[in-house]
PDB file of N, CA and C in Angstrom:
ATOM      1  N   UNK A   1      53.148  37.134  -4.195  1.00  0.00           N
ATOM      2  CA  UNK A   1      53.273  36.447  -2.926  1.00  0.00           C
ATOM      3  C   UNK A   1      51.951  35.795  -2.556  1.00  0.00           C
ATOM      4  N   UNK A   2      50.860  36.480  -2.745  1.00  0.00           N
ATOM      5  CA  UNK A   2      49.518  35.924  -2.587  1.00  0.00           C
ATOM      6  C   UNK A   2      49.277  35.231  -1.252  1.00  0.00           C
ATOM      7  N   UNK A   3      49.191  36.032  -0.204  1.00  0.00           N
ATOM      8  CA  UNK A   3      48.768  35.497   1.088  1.00  0.00           C
ATOM      9  C   UNK A   3      47.266  35.296   1.033  1.00  0.00           C
ATOM     10  N   UNK A   4      46.790  34.315   1.744  1.00  0.00           N
ATOM     11  CA  UNK A   4      45.344  34.162   1.858  1.00  0.00           C
ATOM     12  C   UNK A   4      44.998  33.695   3.261  1.00  0.00           C
ATOM     13  N   UNK A   5      43.759  33.877   3.619  1.00  0.00           N
ATOM     14  CA  UNK A   5      43.292  33.575   4.961  1.00  0.00           C
ATOM     15  C   UNK A   5      43.396  32.122   5.355  1.00  0.00           C
ATOM     16  N   UNK A   6      43.547  31.231   4.384  1.00  0.00           N
ATOM     17  CA  UNK A   6      43.630  29.799   4.685  1.00  0.00           C
ATOM     18  C   UNK A   6      45.044  29.329   5.024  1.00  0.00           C
ATOM     19  N   UNK A   7      46.036  30.189   4.834  1.00  0.00           N
ATOM     20  CA  UNK A   7      47.416  29.816   5.185  1.00  0.00           C
ATOM     21  C   UNK A   7      47.553  29.772   6.702  1.00  0.00           C
ATOM     22  N   UNK A   8      48.292  28.798   7.198  1.00  0.00           N
ATOM     23  CA  UNK A   8      48.532  28.744   8.642  1.00  0.00           C
ATOM     24  C   UNK A   8      49.642  29.726   9.009  1.00  0.00           C
ATOM     25  N   UNK A   9      49.682  30.061  10.289  1.00  0.00           N
ATOM     26  CA  UNK A   9      50.752  30.929  10.780  1.00  0.00           C
ATOM     27  C   UNK A   9      52.103  30.268  10.516  1.00  0.00           C
ATOM     28  N   UNK A  10      52.201  28.992  10.807  1.00  0.00           N
ATOM     29  CA  UNK A  10      53.458  28.264  10.616  1.00  0.00           C
ATOM     30  C   UNK A  10      53.918  28.322   9.155  1.00  0.00           C
ATOM     31  N   UNK A  11      53.000  28.079   8.249  1.00  0.00           N
ATOM     32  CA  UNK A  11      53.322  28.124   6.819  1.00  0.00           C
ATOM     33  C   UNK A  11      53.789  29.529   6.411  1.00  0.00           C
ATOM     34  N   UNK A  12      53.114  30.535   6.929  1.00  0.00           N
ATOM     35  CA  UNK A  12      53.468  31.918   6.614  1.00  0.00           C
ATOM     36  C   UNK A  12      54.867  32.251   7.120  1.00  0.00           C
ATOM     37  N   UNK A  13      55.166  31.857   8.356  1.00  0.00           N
ATOM     38  CA  UNK A  13      56.484  32.129   8.932  1.00  0.00           C
ATOM     39  C   UNK A  13      57.592  31.387   8.191  1.00  0.00           C
ATOM     40  N   UNK A  14      57.312  30.198   7.740  1.00  0.00           N
ATOM     41  CA  UNK A  14      58.323  29.426   7.002  1.00  0.00           C
ATOM     42  C   UNK A  14      58.622  30.036   5.639  1.00  0.00           C
ATOM     43  N   UNK A  15      57.595  30.542   4.985  1.00  0.00           N
ATOM     44  CA  UNK A  15      57.766  31.093   3.633  1.00  0.00           C
ATOM     45  C   UNK A  15      58.256  32.538   3.627  1.00  0.00           C
ATOM     46  N   UNK A  16      57.918  33.284   4.678  1.00  0.00           N
ATOM     47  CA  UNK A  16      58.162  34.730   4.673  1.00  0.00           C
ATOM     48  C   UNK A  16      58.776  35.167   5.998  1.00  0.00           C
ATOM     49  N   UNK A  17      60.075  35.337   6.027  1.00  0.00           N
ATOM     50  CA  UNK A  17      60.749  35.709   7.275  1.00  0.00           C
ATOM     51  C   UNK A  17      60.298  37.072   7.795  1.00  0.00           C
ATOM     52  N   UNK A  18      59.852  37.952   6.914  1.00  0.00           N
ATOM     53  CA  UNK A  18      59.364  39.268   7.333  1.00  0.00           C
ATOM     54  C   UNK A  18      58.106  39.211   8.174  1.00  0.00           C
ATOM     55  N   UNK A  19      57.417  38.096   8.136  1.00  0.00           N
ATOM     56  CA  UNK A  19      56.191  37.952   8.924  1.00  0.00           C
ATOM     57  C   UNK A  19      56.491  37.891  10.419  1.00  0.00           C
ATOM     58  N   UNK A  20      57.669  37.436  10.779  1.00  0.00           N
ATOM     59  CA  UNK A  20      58.044  37.311  12.186  1.00  0.00           C
ATOM     60  C   UNK A  20      57.931  38.656  12.901  1.00  0.00           C
ATOM     61  N   UNK A  21      58.543  39.686  12.351  1.00  0.00           N
ATOM     62  CA  UNK A  21      58.493  41.017  12.960  1.00  0.00           C
ATOM     63  C   UNK A  21      57.066  41.550  13.014  1.00  0.00           C
ATOM     64  N   UNK A  22      56.279  41.264  11.997  1.00  0.00           N
ATOM     65  CA  UNK A  22      54.885  41.716  11.959  1.00  0.00           C
ATOM     66  C   UNK A  22      54.123  41.223  13.181  1.00  0.00           C
ATOM     67  N   UNK A  23      54.226  39.935  13.482  1.00  0.00           N
ATOM     68  CA  UNK A  23      53.512  39.365  14.623  1.00  0.00           C
ATOM     69  C   UNK A  23      54.073  39.888  15.945  1.00  0.00           C
ATOM     70  N   UNK A  24      55.382  39.992  16.043  1.00  0.00           N
ATOM     71  CA  UNK A  24      56.011  40.449  17.288  1.00  0.00           C
ATOM     72  C   UNK A  24      55.676  41.912  17.573  1.00  0.00           C
ATOM     73  N   UNK A  25      55.748  42.771  16.561  1.00  0.00           N
ATOM     74  CA  UNK A  25      55.456  44.196  16.750  1.00  0.00           C
ATOM     75  C   UNK A  25      54.031  44.430  17.229  1.00  0.00           C
ATOM     76  N   UNK A  26      53.131  43.569  16.867  1.00  0.00           N
ATOM     77  CA  UNK A  26      51.730  43.700  17.277  1.00  0.00           C
ATOM     78  C   UNK A  26      51.421  42.946  18.568  1.00  0.00           C
ATOM     79  N   UNK A  27      52.473  42.386  19.151  1.00  0.00           N
ATOM     80  CA  UNK A  27      52.346  41.622  20.394  1.00  0.00           C
ATOM     81  C   UNK A  27      51.368  40.458  20.260  1.00  0.00           C
ATOM     82  N   UNK A  28      51.340  39.899  19.067  1.00  0.00           N
ATOM     83  CA  UNK A  28      50.548  38.694  18.831  1.00  0.00           C
ATOM     84  C   UNK A  28      51.422  37.517  19.226  1.00  0.00           C
ATOM     85  N   UNK A  29      50.912  36.657  20.029  1.00  0.00           N
ATOM     86  CA  UNK A  29      51.707  35.546  20.548  1.00  0.00           C
ATOM     87  C   UNK A  29      51.726  34.349  19.603  1.00  0.00           C
ATOM     88  N   UNK A  30      51.550  34.618  18.325  1.00  0.00           N
ATOM     89  CA  UNK A  30      51.495  33.555  17.315  1.00  0.00           C
ATOM     90  C   UNK A  30      52.829  32.830  17.164  1.00  0.00           C
ATOM     91  N   UNK A  31      53.918  33.573  17.279  1.00  0.00           N
ATOM     92  CA  UNK A  31      55.245  33.001  17.084  1.00  0.00           C
ATOM     93  C   UNK A  31      55.560  32.072  18.251  1.00  0.00           C
ATOM     94  N   UNK A  32      55.753  30.805  17.937  1.00  0.00           N
ATOM     95  CA  UNK A  32      56.055  29.819  18.969  1.00  0.00           C
ATOM     96  C   UNK A  32      54.842  29.239  19.665  1.00  0.00           C
ATOM     97  N   UNK A  33      53.662  29.702  19.303  1.00  0.00           N
ATOM     98  CA  UNK A  33      52.431  29.177  19.904  1.00  0.00           C
ATOM     99  C   UNK A  33      52.217  27.743  19.418  1.00  0.00           C
ATOM    100  N   UNK A  34      51.769  26.857  20.306  1.00  0.00           N
ATOM    101  CA  UNK A  34      51.535  25.471  19.887  1.00  0.00           C
ATOM    102  C   UNK A  34      50.493  25.338  18.773  1.00  0.00           C
ATOM    103  N   UNK A  35      49.636  26.360  18.613  1.00  0.00           N
ATOM    104  CA  UNK A  35      48.598  26.265  17.582  1.00  0.00           C
ATOM    105  C   UNK A  35      49.003  26.925  16.265  1.00  0.00           C
ATOM    106  N   UNK A  36      50.258  27.395  16.155  1.00  0.00           N
ATOM    107  CA  UNK A  36      50.649  28.073  14.914  1.00  0.00           C
ATOM    108  C   UNK A  36      50.555  27.156  13.698  1.00  0.00           C
ATOM    109  N   UNK A  37      50.616  25.855  13.919  1.00  0.00           N
ATOM    110  CA  UNK A  37      50.495  24.901  12.811  1.00  0.00           C
ATOM    111  C   UNK A  37      49.041  24.727  12.375  1.00  0.00           C
ATOM    112  N   UNK A  38      48.109  25.178  13.213  1.00  0.00           N
ATOM    113  CA  UNK A  38      46.685  24.971  12.931  1.00  0.00           C
ATOM    114  C   UNK A  38      45.927  26.269  12.691  1.00  0.00           C
ATOM    115  N   UNK A  39      46.312  27.348  13.393  1.00  0.00           N
ATOM    116  CA  UNK A  39      45.612  28.616  13.213  1.00  0.00           C
ATOM    117  C   UNK A  39      45.941  29.200  11.850  1.00  0.00           C
ATOM    118  N   UNK A  40      44.896  29.612  11.160  1.00  0.00           N
ATOM    119  CA  UNK A  40      45.072  30.257   9.865  1.00  0.00           C
ATOM    120  C   UNK A  40      45.204  31.762  10.065  1.00  0.00           C
ATOM    121  N   UNK A  41      45.599  32.446   9.018  1.00  0.00           N
ATOM    122  CA  UNK A  41      45.668  33.899   9.085  1.00  0.00           C
ATOM    123  C   UNK A  41      44.279  34.489   9.316  1.00  0.00           C
ATOM    124  N   UNK A  42      43.254  33.857   8.791  1.00  0.00           N
ATOM    125  CA  UNK A  42      41.881  34.305   9.049  1.00  0.00           C
ATOM    126  C   UNK A  42      41.545  34.166  10.530  1.00  0.00           C
ATOM    127  N   UNK A  43      41.976  33.078  11.153  1.00  0.00           N
ATOM    128  CA  UNK A  43      41.763  32.894  12.594  1.00  0.00           C
ATOM    129  C   UNK A  43      42.436  34.014  13.375  1.00  0.00           C
ATOM    130  N   UNK A  44      43.679  34.301  13.029  1.00  0.00           N
ATOM    131  CA  UNK A  44      44.451  35.323  13.741  1.00  0.00           C
ATOM    132  C   UNK A  44      43.788  36.689  13.595  1.00  0.00           C
ATOM    133  N   UNK A  45      43.379  37.038  12.388  1.00  0.00           N
ATOM    134  CA  UNK A  45      42.712  38.322  12.165  1.00  0.00           C
ATOM    135  C   UNK A  45      41.449  38.419  13.021  1.00  0.00           C
ATOM    136  N   UNK A  46      40.660  37.375  13.027  1.00  0.00           N
ATOM    137  CA  UNK A  46      39.412  37.367  13.807  1.00  0.00           C
ATOM    138  C   UNK A  46      39.697  37.480  15.297  1.00  0.00           C
ATOM    139  N   UNK A  47      40.625  36.679  15.799  1.00  0.00           N
ATOM    140  CA  UNK A  47      40.950  36.656  17.228  1.00  0.00           C
ATOM    141  C   UNK A  47      41.440  38.024  17.707  1.00  0.00           C
ATOM    142  N   UNK A  48      42.205  38.707  16.854  1.00  0.00           N
ATOM    143  CA  UNK A  48      42.795  39.984  17.254  1.00  0.00           C
ATOM    144  C   UNK A  48      41.976  41.192  16.795  1.00  0.00           C
ATOM    145  N   UNK A  49      40.817  40.966  16.198  1.00  0.00           N
ATOM    146  CA  UNK A  49      39.902  42.050  15.864  1.00  0.00           C
ATOM    147  C   UNK A  49      40.236  42.848  14.620  1.00  0.00           C
ATOM    148  N   UNK A  50      40.894  42.228  13.656  1.00  0.00           N
ATOM    149  CA  UNK A  50      41.224  42.898  12.402  1.00  0.00           C
ATOM    150  C   UNK A  50      40.316  42.399  11.284  1.00  0.00           C
ATOM    151  N   UNK A  51      39.868  43.298  10.396  1.00  0.00           N
ATOM    152  CA  UNK A  51      39.208  42.825   9.183  1.00  0.00           C
ATOM    153  C   UNK A  51      40.233  42.021   8.374  1.00  0.00           C
ATOM    154  N   UNK A  52      39.830  40.900   7.826  1.00  0.00           N
ATOM    155  CA  UNK A  52      40.767  40.000   7.155  1.00  0.00           C
ATOM    156  C   UNK A  52      41.549  40.688   6.045  1.00  0.00           C
ATOM    157  N   UNK A  53      40.876  41.408   5.169  1.00  0.00           N
ATOM    158  CA  UNK A  53      41.575  42.031   4.037  1.00  0.00           C
ATOM    159  C   UNK A  53      42.624  43.032   4.513  1.00  0.00           C
ATOM    160  N   UNK A  54      42.278  43.854   5.501  1.00  0.00           N
ATOM    161  CA  UNK A  54      43.234  44.837   6.030  1.00  0.00           C
ATOM    162  C   UNK A  54      44.420  44.134   6.680  1.00  0.00           C
ATOM    163  N   UNK A  55      44.148  43.051   7.389  1.00  0.00           N
ATOM    164  CA  UNK A  55      45.204  42.279   8.045  1.00  0.00           C
ATOM    165  C   UNK A  55      46.162  41.697   7.010  1.00  0.00           C
ATOM    166  N   UNK A  56      45.612  41.082   5.974  1.00  0.00           N
ATOM    167  CA  UNK A  56      46.449  40.481   4.932  1.00  0.00           C
ATOM    168  C   UNK A  56      47.261  41.536   4.183  1.00  0.00           C
ATOM    169  N   UNK A  57      46.657  42.689   3.914  1.00  0.00           N
ATOM    170  CA  UNK A  57      47.374  43.767   3.226  1.00  0.00           C
ATOM    171  C   UNK A  57      48.534  44.278   4.077  1.00  0.00           C
ATOM    172  N   UNK A  58      48.298  44.456   5.377  1.00  0.00           N
ATOM    173  CA  UNK A  58      49.353  44.934   6.276  1.00  0.00           C
ATOM    174  C   UNK A  58      50.470  43.902   6.402  1.00  0.00           C
ATOM    175  N   UNK A  59      50.100  42.634   6.488  1.00  0.00           N
ATOM    176  CA  UNK A  59      51.095  41.567   6.584  1.00  0.00           C
ATOM    177  C   UNK A  59      51.926  41.504   5.304  1.00  0.00           C
ATOM    178  N   UNK A  60      51.270  41.609   4.173  1.00  0.00           N
ATOM    179  CA  UNK A  60      51.991  41.585   2.897  1.00  0.00           C
ATOM    180  C   UNK A  60      52.946  42.769   2.779  1.00  0.00           C
ATOM    181  N   UNK A  61      52.496  43.942   3.212  1.00  0.00           N
ATOM    182  CA  UNK A  61      53.356  45.127   3.176  1.00  0.00           C
ATOM    183  C   UNK A  61      54.578  44.931   4.073  1.00  0.00           C
ATOM    184  N   UNK A  62      54.372  44.344   5.237  1.00  0.00           N
ATOM    185  CA  UNK A  62      55.489  44.093   6.159  1.00  0.00           C
ATOM    186  C   UNK A  62      56.484  43.110   5.552  1.00  0.00           C
ATOM    187  N   UNK A  63      55.972  42.097   4.903  1.00  0.00           N
ATOM    188  CA  UNK A  63      56.843  41.098   4.284  1.00  0.00           C
ATOM    189  C   UNK A  63      57.666  41.730   3.162  1.00  0.00           C
ATOM    190  N   UNK A  64      57.041  42.632   2.424  1.00  0.00           N
ATOM    191  CA  UNK A  64      57.736  43.310   1.321  1.00  0.00           C
ATOM    192  C   UNK A  64      58.642  44.435   1.814  1.00  0.00           C
ATOM    193  N   UNK A  65      58.546  44.754   3.103  1.00  0.00           N
ATOM    194  CA  UNK A  65      59.369  45.820   3.665  1.00  0.00           C
ATOM    195  C   UNK A  65      58.827  47.206   3.406  1.00  0.00           C
ATOM    196  N   UNK A  66      57.544  47.300   3.056  1.00  0.00           N
ATOM    197  CA  UNK A  66      56.930  48.593   2.789  1.00  0.00           C
ATOM    198  C   UNK A  66      56.504  49.237   4.092  1.00  0.00           C
ATOM    199  N   UNK A  67      56.337  50.550   4.040  1.00  0.00           N
ATOM    200  CA  UNK A  67      55.845  51.265   5.206  1.00  0.00           C
ATOM    201  C   UNK A  67      54.381  50.903   5.403  1.00  0.00           C
ATOM    202  N   UNK A  68      54.024  50.635   6.654  1.00  0.00           N
ATOM    203  CA  UNK A  68      52.662  50.225   6.975  1.00  0.00           C
ATOM    204  C   UNK A  68      51.897  51.363   7.627  1.00  0.00           C
ATOM    205  N   UNK A  69      50.559  51.290   7.594  1.00  0.00           N
ATOM    206  CA  UNK A  69      49.762  52.262   8.338  1.00  0.00           C
ATOM    207  C   UNK A  69      49.938  52.015   9.831  1.00  0.00           C
ATOM    208  N   UNK A  70      49.605  53.002  10.676  1.00  0.00           N
ATOM    209  CA  UNK A  70      49.693  52.771  12.119  1.00  0.00           C
ATOM    210  C   UNK A  70      48.896  51.540  12.521  1.00  0.00           C
ATOM    211  N   UNK A  71      49.382  50.803  13.503  1.00  0.00           N
ATOM    212  CA  UNK A  71      48.761  49.538  13.900  1.00  0.00           C
ATOM    213  C   UNK A  71      47.277  49.676  14.205  1.00  0.00           C
ATOM    214  N   UNK A  72      46.894  50.728  14.935  1.00  0.00           N
ATOM    215  CA  UNK A  72      45.493  50.872  15.316  1.00  0.00           C
ATOM    216  C   UNK A  72      44.608  51.240  14.134  1.00  0.00           C
ATOM    217  N   UNK A  73      45.165  51.831  13.101  1.00  0.00           N
ATOM    218  CA  UNK A  73      44.376  52.240  11.940  1.00  0.00           C
ATOM    219  C   UNK A  73      43.842  51.050  11.170  1.00  0.00           C
ATOM    220  N   UNK A  74      44.506  49.919  11.256  1.00  0.00           N
ATOM    221  CA  UNK A  74      44.061  48.761  10.488  1.00  0.00           C
ATOM    222  C   UNK A  74      43.145  47.842  11.284  1.00  0.00           C
ATOM    223  N   UNK A  75      42.992  48.117  12.571  1.00  0.00           N
ATOM    224  CA  UNK A  75      42.167  47.265  13.423  1.00  0.00           C
ATOM    225  C   UNK A  75      40.709  47.681  13.297  1.00  0.00           C
ATOM    226  N   UNK A  76      39.829  46.720  13.211  1.00  0.00           N
ATOM    227  CA  UNK A  76      38.402  46.986  13.119  1.00  0.00           C
ATOM    228  C   UNK A  76      37.797  47.232  14.484  1.00  0.00           C
ATOM    229  N   UNK A  77      36.557  47.598  14.483  1.00  0.00           N
ATOM    230  CA  UNK A  77      35.844  47.785  15.750  1.00  0.00           C
ATOM    231  C   UNK A  77      35.545  46.450  16.372  1.00  0.00           C
ATOM    232  N   UNK A  78      35.670  46.401  17.676  1.00  0.00           N
ATOM    233  CA  UNK A  78      35.364  45.167  18.393  1.00  0.00           C
ATOM    234  C   UNK A  78      33.979  45.214  18.935  1.00  0.00           C
TER     235      UNK A  78
END
C-alpha cells in the first residue's frame, strides 16, 4: 500500500476507504475540510502532534483492518 507523508488527505481517502474511519475516530476534521486536497499526511501528523512514522503505521493498520494501539499511545509529546 505504501503510504507516505507526501500524499494528500484527499488522495488517501480516495484510494483507501478505511482511512475515513481512522480520521473520524480521532476527531480529526480532515474529512470534508476544504484543505484536504492540499494538506499532506505529514501536515496532518504535525498539526495533531503525532510522530510521522507512528501516524503512518497506525493509518496503514486501520486501512488493513488490523487492531491498532490505543490512540493516545501513538501521539507524541507536544
